[in-house]
Protein backbone atom coordinates (compact mmCIF):
# COMPACT_ATOMS: atom_id res chain seq x y z
CA MET A 1 -18.48 19.28 53.91
CA LYS A 2 -16.29 17.89 51.12
CA LYS A 3 -13.36 15.65 52.00
CA VAL A 4 -9.79 16.17 50.81
CA LEU A 5 -7.13 13.49 51.23
CA ILE A 6 -3.54 14.77 51.13
CA LEU A 7 -0.64 12.36 50.77
CA GLY A 8 2.58 13.80 52.16
CA GLY A 9 3.64 15.93 55.13
CA GLY A 10 6.27 18.15 53.52
CA PHE A 11 6.09 21.78 52.40
CA ALA A 12 3.43 21.08 49.77
CA GLY A 13 1.23 18.79 51.84
CA VAL A 14 1.25 20.83 55.05
CA ASP A 15 0.48 24.09 53.24
CA ALA A 16 -2.33 22.51 51.21
CA ALA A 17 -3.88 21.10 54.39
CA THR A 18 -3.64 24.45 56.17
CA HIS A 19 -5.23 26.46 53.33
CA LEU A 20 -8.02 23.96 52.65
CA LYS A 21 -8.94 23.64 56.30
CA LYS A 22 -9.29 27.42 56.53
CA MET A 23 -11.66 27.21 53.55
CA GLY A 24 -13.89 24.80 55.43
CA TYR A 25 -12.91 21.45 53.96
CA ASP A 26 -12.65 18.18 55.86
CA VAL A 27 -8.92 17.52 55.48
CA THR A 28 -6.94 14.35 56.21
CA LEU A 29 -3.16 14.42 55.81
CA VAL A 30 -1.20 11.15 55.55
CA SER A 31 2.53 11.24 56.34
CA ASP A 32 5.10 8.52 56.89
CA ARG A 33 6.73 10.74 59.53
CA ASP A 34 5.14 12.25 62.61
CA TYR A 35 6.90 15.57 62.01
CA PHE A 36 7.35 18.21 59.34
CA TYR A 37 11.06 18.54 58.52
CA ILE A 38 12.54 21.94 57.59
CA TYR A 39 15.08 20.65 55.08
CA PRO A 40 16.63 24.06 54.19
CA THR A 41 17.89 24.51 57.77
CA SER A 42 19.13 20.93 58.22
CA ILE A 43 22.52 22.04 56.85
CA TRP A 44 23.41 23.17 60.37
CA ILE A 45 22.92 19.78 62.03
CA PRO A 46 26.22 18.31 60.75
CA THR A 47 28.20 21.31 62.02
CA GLY A 48 26.45 21.35 65.40
CA GLU A 49 24.72 24.72 65.04
CA LYS A 50 21.34 23.01 65.28
CA LYS A 51 20.05 19.83 66.85
CA PHE A 52 17.84 17.40 64.98
CA GLU A 53 14.76 18.33 67.02
CA ASP A 54 15.28 22.01 66.12
CA ILE A 55 14.52 21.16 62.49
CA CYS A 56 11.38 19.13 63.24
CA VAL A 57 7.86 20.45 63.76
CA PRO A 58 5.60 17.74 65.24
CA LEU A 59 2.56 17.09 63.05
CA GLN A 60 0.57 16.84 66.26
CA ASP A 61 1.34 20.53 66.89
CA LEU A 62 0.30 21.44 63.33
CA GLN A 63 -2.86 19.40 63.78
CA LYS A 64 -3.71 21.34 66.94
CA ALA A 65 -2.97 24.66 65.26
CA HIS A 66 -5.04 24.05 62.12
CA CYS A 67 -7.45 21.24 63.07
CA PHE A 68 -6.87 18.94 60.11
CA GLU A 69 -6.69 15.19 60.72
CA VAL A 70 -3.31 13.47 60.63
CA LEU A 71 -2.64 9.80 59.88
CA VAL A 72 0.96 8.71 60.47
CA ASP A 73 1.23 5.91 57.94
CA SER A 74 2.83 5.30 54.56
CA VAL A 75 1.04 4.89 51.25
CA SER A 76 1.03 1.43 49.70
CA THR A 77 -1.00 1.93 46.52
CA ILE A 78 -2.82 4.68 44.65
CA GLU A 79 -5.65 3.78 42.29
CA TYR A 80 -6.88 7.17 41.19
CA LYS A 81 -9.35 5.83 38.64
CA LYS A 82 -11.02 3.83 41.42
CA ASN A 83 -10.84 6.78 43.83
CA SER A 84 -8.90 4.62 46.26
CA VAL A 85 -5.72 4.84 48.33
CA THR A 86 -4.37 1.95 50.40
CA LEU A 87 -2.04 2.57 53.33
CA THR A 88 0.69 0.23 54.56
CA SER A 89 -1.38 -0.49 57.66
CA GLY A 90 -4.03 -1.96 55.37
CA LYS A 91 -6.43 0.94 55.74
CA ILE A 92 -8.27 1.78 52.53
CA ILE A 93 -9.47 5.35 51.97
CA ASP A 94 -12.00 5.73 49.17
CA ASP A 95 -14.47 8.31 50.42
CA TYR A 96 -12.61 11.48 49.46
CA ASP A 97 -13.84 14.13 47.05
CA TYR A 98 -10.35 15.33 46.15
CA LEU A 99 -6.93 13.70 46.30
CA ILE A 100 -3.72 15.74 46.53
CA VAL A 101 -0.50 13.84 45.88
CA ALA A 102 2.38 15.55 47.70
CA MET A 103 4.56 12.57 48.61
CA GLY A 104 7.83 14.02 47.41
CA ALA A 105 10.15 12.12 45.10
CA GLY A 106 12.17 8.95 45.03
CA LYS A 107 15.94 9.02 44.52
CA MET A 108 18.17 7.83 41.72
CA GLN A 109 20.17 4.83 42.86
CA PRO A 110 23.70 4.85 41.40
CA LYS A 111 25.79 1.79 42.16
CA GLY A 112 27.33 1.88 45.63
CA VAL A 113 25.20 4.81 46.83
CA GLU A 114 24.99 3.05 50.21
CA HIS A 115 28.55 4.25 50.81
CA THR A 116 27.31 7.86 50.85
CA LEU A 117 25.07 10.01 53.02
CA SER A 118 22.81 12.80 51.78
CA ILE A 119 21.74 16.07 53.41
CA CYS A 120 18.61 15.81 51.24
CA GLY A 121 17.87 12.18 52.07
CA ALA A 122 16.04 10.68 55.03
CA PRO A 123 16.16 13.28 57.83
CA GLU A 124 18.11 10.93 60.08
CA GLN A 125 21.03 11.05 57.66
CA SER A 126 21.85 14.59 58.80
CA VAL A 127 22.77 13.16 62.22
CA LEU A 128 24.86 10.42 60.61
CA ILE A 129 26.71 13.07 58.58
CA LYS A 130 27.54 14.86 61.84
CA GLU A 131 28.89 11.64 63.32
CA LYS A 132 31.11 11.07 60.27
CA LEU A 133 32.44 14.63 60.37
CA ASP A 134 33.00 14.50 64.14
CA ALA A 135 35.04 11.32 63.74
CA LEU A 136 37.27 12.96 61.11
CA ILE A 137 37.65 16.08 63.24
CA ALA A 138 38.69 13.88 66.17
CA LYS A 139 41.21 12.21 63.86
CA GLY A 140 42.51 15.66 62.92
CA SER A 141 42.65 15.34 59.14
CA GLY A 142 40.93 13.79 56.16
CA LYS A 143 39.52 13.97 52.66
CA ILE A 144 35.86 14.97 52.43
CA THR A 145 33.90 15.04 49.18
CA PHE A 146 30.57 16.68 48.46
CA GLY A 147 28.54 16.22 45.30
CA PHE A 148 25.25 15.71 43.54
CA GLY A 149 23.96 13.77 40.57
CA GLY A 150 21.61 14.33 37.66
CA ASN A 151 18.55 12.72 36.14
CA PRO A 152 18.71 12.88 32.33
CA LYS A 153 14.99 12.14 32.14
CA ASP A 154 14.06 15.23 34.18
CA THR A 155 16.58 18.00 34.80
CA SER A 156 14.25 19.82 37.24
CA ALA A 157 14.81 17.02 39.77
CA VAL A 158 18.45 17.98 40.43
CA ARG A 159 19.05 19.49 43.87
CA GLY A 160 22.57 20.79 44.36
CA GLY A 161 22.18 23.94 46.46
CA PRO A 162 22.19 22.19 49.87
CA GLY A 163 25.38 20.40 48.84
CA PHE A 164 27.12 23.72 48.22
CA GLU A 165 25.78 25.09 51.51
CA LEU A 166 26.95 22.12 53.56
CA LEU A 167 30.37 22.28 51.90
CA PHE A 168 30.80 25.96 52.77
CA ASN A 169 29.52 25.42 56.32
CA VAL A 170 31.96 22.55 56.89
CA HIS A 171 34.79 24.71 55.54
CA ASN A 172 33.83 27.47 57.96
CA ALA A 173 33.48 25.08 60.91
CA LEU A 174 36.93 23.59 60.28
CA LYS A 175 38.38 27.07 59.92
CA LYS A 176 36.95 28.09 63.31
CA LYS A 177 38.62 25.07 64.88
CA GLY A 178 41.93 26.05 63.26
CA ILE A 179 42.27 22.74 61.40
CA ARG A 180 41.00 23.63 57.92
CA ASP A 181 44.46 23.18 56.37
CA ASN A 182 44.46 19.55 57.52
CA PHE A 183 41.46 18.69 55.35
CA GLU A 184 41.08 18.31 51.61
CA LEU A 185 37.61 19.39 50.50
CA THR A 186 36.37 18.53 47.02
CA PHE A 187 33.09 19.13 45.22
CA PHE A 188 32.13 16.79 42.38
CA ALA A 189 29.30 16.60 39.85
CA PRO A 190 28.81 14.84 36.50
CA MET A 191 27.87 18.02 34.63
CA GLN A 192 30.47 20.47 33.29
CA GLN A 193 28.96 23.48 35.05
CA PRO A 194 27.07 22.50 38.19
CA GLY A 195 25.01 25.44 39.37
CA LYS A 196 24.59 26.75 35.81
CA ARG A 197 20.83 27.04 36.26
CA MET A 198 21.42 29.83 38.78
CA GLY A 199 22.72 32.04 35.94
CA PRO A 200 26.13 33.18 34.60
CA GLN A 201 26.84 35.67 37.39
CA ALA A 202 26.20 33.08 40.08
CA LEU A 203 28.32 30.52 38.24
CA LYS A 204 31.26 32.93 38.04
CA MET A 205 30.90 33.87 41.71
CA MET A 206 30.85 30.21 42.72
CA ASP A 207 34.15 29.69 40.91
CA THR A 208 35.56 32.61 42.88
CA PHE A 209 34.35 31.06 46.16
CA PHE A 210 35.95 27.72 45.34
CA ALA A 211 39.28 29.32 44.52
CA ARG A 212 39.30 31.61 47.55
CA LEU A 213 38.36 28.81 49.96
CA HIS A 214 40.83 26.33 48.41
CA ILE A 215 38.12 23.82 47.53
CA ASN A 216 38.93 21.35 44.77
CA LYS A 217 36.54 20.82 41.84
CA HIS A 218 35.89 17.60 39.96
CA PHE A 219 33.32 18.33 37.25
CA GLY A 220 32.25 16.90 33.92
CA LYS A 221 32.75 13.16 34.43
CA LYS A 222 29.86 10.76 34.87
CA ILE A 223 29.80 8.79 38.10
CA LYS A 224 30.36 5.06 37.59
CA LEU A 225 30.02 3.94 41.20
CA PHE A 226 30.74 4.74 44.81
CA GLU A 227 33.11 2.74 46.96
CA GLN A 228 33.75 2.94 50.67
CA ASP A 229 36.87 5.02 50.10
CA GLY A 230 35.96 7.12 47.09
CA VAL A 231 34.09 7.94 43.90
CA VAL A 232 34.86 6.10 40.65
CA PHE A 233 34.13 7.91 37.40
CA GLU A 234 33.35 6.74 33.86
CA ASP A 235 37.03 6.74 32.84
CA ASP A 236 37.83 4.59 35.92
CA SER A 237 39.62 7.47 37.63
CA LYS A 238 38.98 7.63 41.36
CA LEU A 239 38.44 10.50 43.75
CA GLU A 240 39.63 9.22 47.12
CA SER A 241 37.57 10.18 50.13
CA ASP A 242 37.23 9.42 53.83
CA PHE A 243 33.60 10.53 53.68
CA ILE A 244 31.22 11.16 50.77
CA MET A 245 28.18 13.43 51.01
CA PHE A 246 26.17 12.87 47.85
CA ILE A 247 22.73 14.16 46.84
CA PRO A 248 21.15 11.82 44.27
CA ALA A 249 18.84 13.44 41.74
CA GLY A 250 15.13 13.02 42.30
CA ASP A 251 13.20 10.26 40.60
CA GLY A 252 9.55 9.31 40.52
CA HIS A 253 8.25 8.06 43.87
CA PRO A 254 8.02 4.22 43.77
CA VAL A 255 4.34 4.27 44.79
CA ILE A 256 3.56 6.76 42.01
CA LYS A 257 5.50 4.72 39.46
CA ASN A 258 3.38 1.69 40.38
CA SER A 259 0.12 3.64 40.25
CA ASP A 260 -2.27 4.41 37.38
CA LEU A 261 -1.48 8.12 37.58
CA PRO A 262 -0.24 9.69 34.32
CA GLN A 263 3.52 10.16 34.51
CA ASN A 264 6.38 11.69 32.59
CA GLU A 265 9.43 9.66 31.59
CA ALA A 266 11.00 10.03 35.04
CA GLY A 267 7.90 8.92 36.93
CA PHE A 268 6.59 12.30 38.13
CA VAL A 269 2.85 12.98 37.96
CA LYS A 270 1.76 14.86 34.86
CA THR A 271 -0.63 17.75 35.49
CA ASP A 272 -1.81 20.92 33.81
CA ASP A 273 -0.64 24.37 34.90
CA PHE A 274 -3.25 24.31 37.67
CA SER A 275 -1.62 21.16 39.12
CA CYS A 276 -4.66 19.07 38.18
CA VAL A 277 -4.35 15.58 36.73
CA LEU A 278 -6.24 15.29 33.44
CA ASP A 279 -7.96 12.16 32.16
CA GLY A 280 -7.24 10.65 28.77
CA TYR A 281 -9.59 13.13 27.12
CA GLY A 282 -8.09 16.30 28.61
CA ASN A 283 -10.75 16.71 31.30
CA MET A 284 -10.00 17.68 34.91
CA THR A 285 -10.10 14.86 37.45
CA ASN A 286 -10.44 15.13 41.23
CA VAL A 287 -6.69 14.51 41.64
CA TYR A 288 -3.93 17.11 42.02
CA ALA A 289 -0.16 16.67 42.31
CA ILE A 290 2.12 19.27 43.89
CA GLY A 291 5.68 19.68 45.10
CA ASP A 292 8.37 17.16 44.17
CA SER A 293 5.77 14.55 43.16
CA ALA A 294 4.67 16.64 40.20
CA ALA A 295 6.29 16.89 36.79
CA LEU A 296 7.45 20.51 36.65
CA GLU A 297 7.01 22.06 33.21
CA GLY A 298 8.58 25.26 31.94
CA TYR A 299 12.01 26.79 31.48
CA GLU A 300 15.10 24.65 31.00
CA TRP A 301 16.55 26.05 34.24
CA ARG A 302 13.44 25.26 36.30
CA ALA A 303 14.09 23.65 39.68
CA LYS A 304 11.95 22.02 42.34
CA GLN A 305 12.13 24.14 45.49
CA GLY A 306 10.09 24.49 48.66
CA HIS A 307 8.64 27.88 47.77
CA ILE A 308 7.35 26.53 44.43
CA ALA A 309 5.72 23.66 46.33
CA GLU A 310 4.03 26.21 48.57
CA VAL A 311 2.79 28.19 45.56
CA MET A 312 1.31 24.99 44.14
CA ALA A 313 -0.35 24.19 47.46
CA ARG A 314 -1.91 27.62 47.78
CA ASN A 315 -3.08 27.54 44.16
CA VAL A 316 -4.61 24.09 44.46
CA ALA A 317 -6.61 25.11 47.52
CA HIS A 318 -7.88 28.13 45.59
CA ASN A 319 -8.63 26.06 42.48
CA ILE A 320 -10.59 23.44 44.41
CA GLU A 321 -12.66 26.16 46.05
CA GLN A 322 -13.28 27.72 42.64
CA ARG A 323 -14.51 24.42 41.23
CA ASP A 324 -16.89 23.85 44.10
CA ASN A 325 -18.31 27.35 43.76
CA GLY A 326 -18.74 27.13 39.99
CA GLY A 327 -15.84 29.47 39.24
CA PHE A 328 -13.12 29.25 36.62
CA ASP A 329 -10.57 31.70 37.99
CA PHE A 330 -7.91 29.01 38.32
CA LYS A 331 -4.33 29.86 39.25
CA GLY A 332 -1.26 28.20 37.72
CA TYR A 333 2.28 27.72 38.96
CA LYS A 334 4.22 28.40 35.75
CA GLU A 335 4.06 32.18 36.05
CA HIS A 336 5.70 31.85 39.47
CA LEU A 337 8.63 29.73 38.35
CA ASN A 338 11.90 31.10 39.64
CA ILE A 339 14.98 30.05 41.54
CA LEU A 340 15.15 31.66 44.96
CA CYS A 341 17.45 30.81 47.83
CA VAL A 342 19.75 32.21 50.46
CA MET A 343 22.87 30.08 50.05
CA ASP A 344 24.39 29.92 53.51
CA SER A 345 28.09 29.56 54.21
CA GLY A 346 28.15 29.57 58.00
CA ASP A 347 29.76 33.02 58.19
CA GLY A 348 27.54 34.74 55.64
CA ALA A 349 25.39 33.91 52.64
CA ALA A 350 24.56 34.82 49.07
CA PHE A 351 21.11 35.70 47.79
CA VAL A 352 20.43 33.80 44.55
CA TYR A 353 17.56 34.68 42.23
CA ARG A 354 16.56 33.78 38.70
CA ASP A 355 13.40 34.16 36.67
CA ALA A 356 12.55 34.55 32.99
CA LYS A 357 13.99 38.07 32.87
CA ARG A 358 17.03 38.15 35.14
CA ALA A 359 19.51 36.11 37.13
CA PHE A 360 21.87 37.31 39.82
CA MET A 361 23.76 36.38 42.97
CA LEU A 362 24.20 38.98 45.71
CA PRO A 363 26.82 38.37 48.44
CA MET A 364 25.60 39.01 51.98
CA PRO A 365 28.62 38.70 54.30
CA PHE A 366 27.78 37.89 57.94
CA VAL A 367 24.20 39.24 57.87
CA GLY A 368 23.10 36.62 55.32
CA HIS A 369 23.72 33.78 57.76
CA TRP A 370 21.47 35.37 60.35
CA LEU A 371 18.82 36.16 57.76
CA LYS A 372 18.60 32.47 56.93
CA LYS A 373 18.48 31.63 60.63
CA GLY A 374 15.62 34.13 60.90
CA TRP A 375 13.83 32.44 58.01
CA GLY A 376 14.04 29.13 59.89
CA PHE A 377 12.33 30.74 62.88
CA TYR A 378 9.72 32.26 60.58
CA CYS A 379 9.07 28.98 58.77
CA ARG A 380 8.43 27.04 61.98
CA ASN A 381 6.28 29.63 63.69
CA SER A 382 4.29 30.77 60.67
CA LYS A 383 3.31 27.18 59.89
CA LEU A 384 2.19 26.79 63.50
CA GLY A 385 0.10 29.94 63.14
CA LYS A 386 2.06 31.76 65.82
CA ILE A 387 3.10 34.59 63.50
CA PRO A 388 1.43 35.83 60.29
CA ARG A 389 2.44 34.43 56.92
CA ILE A 390 4.20 36.89 54.64
CA PRO A 391 2.83 36.58 51.07
CA GLY A 392 5.38 34.96 48.75
CA ILE A 393 7.71 33.81 51.56
């Protein structure tokens, strides 16, 4: 039985482990957390709709459901040419047949970022965001800013959708409490048209949302630094704030940057369309990279999302099986590139979709919120094997 070592317990890593175990491989998954975190539904922790534990799926439960081995440890070094991975505990793993890198990404570190909290950062930050918001609600008024940054070396690493969702959910929560007029909400981003990758219709509809909900916009100025009481921009203007929620753009994971894996300019692992790392002569190695760890190639509007990570995971399991059976029917991720999300607002949602042929945003008042809640239930229980997986979801 061939051994597969998977680094990372997120969407990509968990799905790869599940598929490969079903195919009969000896699978070991290494994660620096003892739970799988459902990031898309963490937007409801700050507003109190969900508790932290509602968003976590213990890896022990996934291990029982699918019978792959789990090591709760962090990765210290990767030496792919030596077929060796060293964990922080000192354990060295060098007896694997295949290595799958699914460790996620690092984060850009703008000056003063410690004065912000991110809904896409360490899971615990979602609870800290709630505490900050609760304190302002208890005070009765305040200025709250939401924003995200870019990575000029890799535009696919920008993640702004959860920032919009949290903003709209906070607006709705304040409105329910009857104190929305006491708060100044502002969204900021260094690009002129944040959300442009979703397509022109979505961009226009977002402008309509901002105007209707009386949310201020601060776009098109590069961020110089963050201070405790606001955001300072390149022209030294300052956006005052009592609390800043900021999503830094993704960057290459520090362990990957310090490894001998081939990388793009931003530090993401370079692969072919089949997610396989190639050697210096263009030959396939026994290493694959999926999810946010991988350098995503393709359209200018491409974006790293959970469903693309799952496509990569499923494909890699298939491709490894093909290799071991002498086949060449490999599957790539590029044909599946699209933007797909249900952008929740707390009292409804909008369905956003874009691929090579079309781009649109469809409002779903009221029912959209419950559809996303339903997806959260589906995500948890389908990964635990309690309900069937729906292809493509």
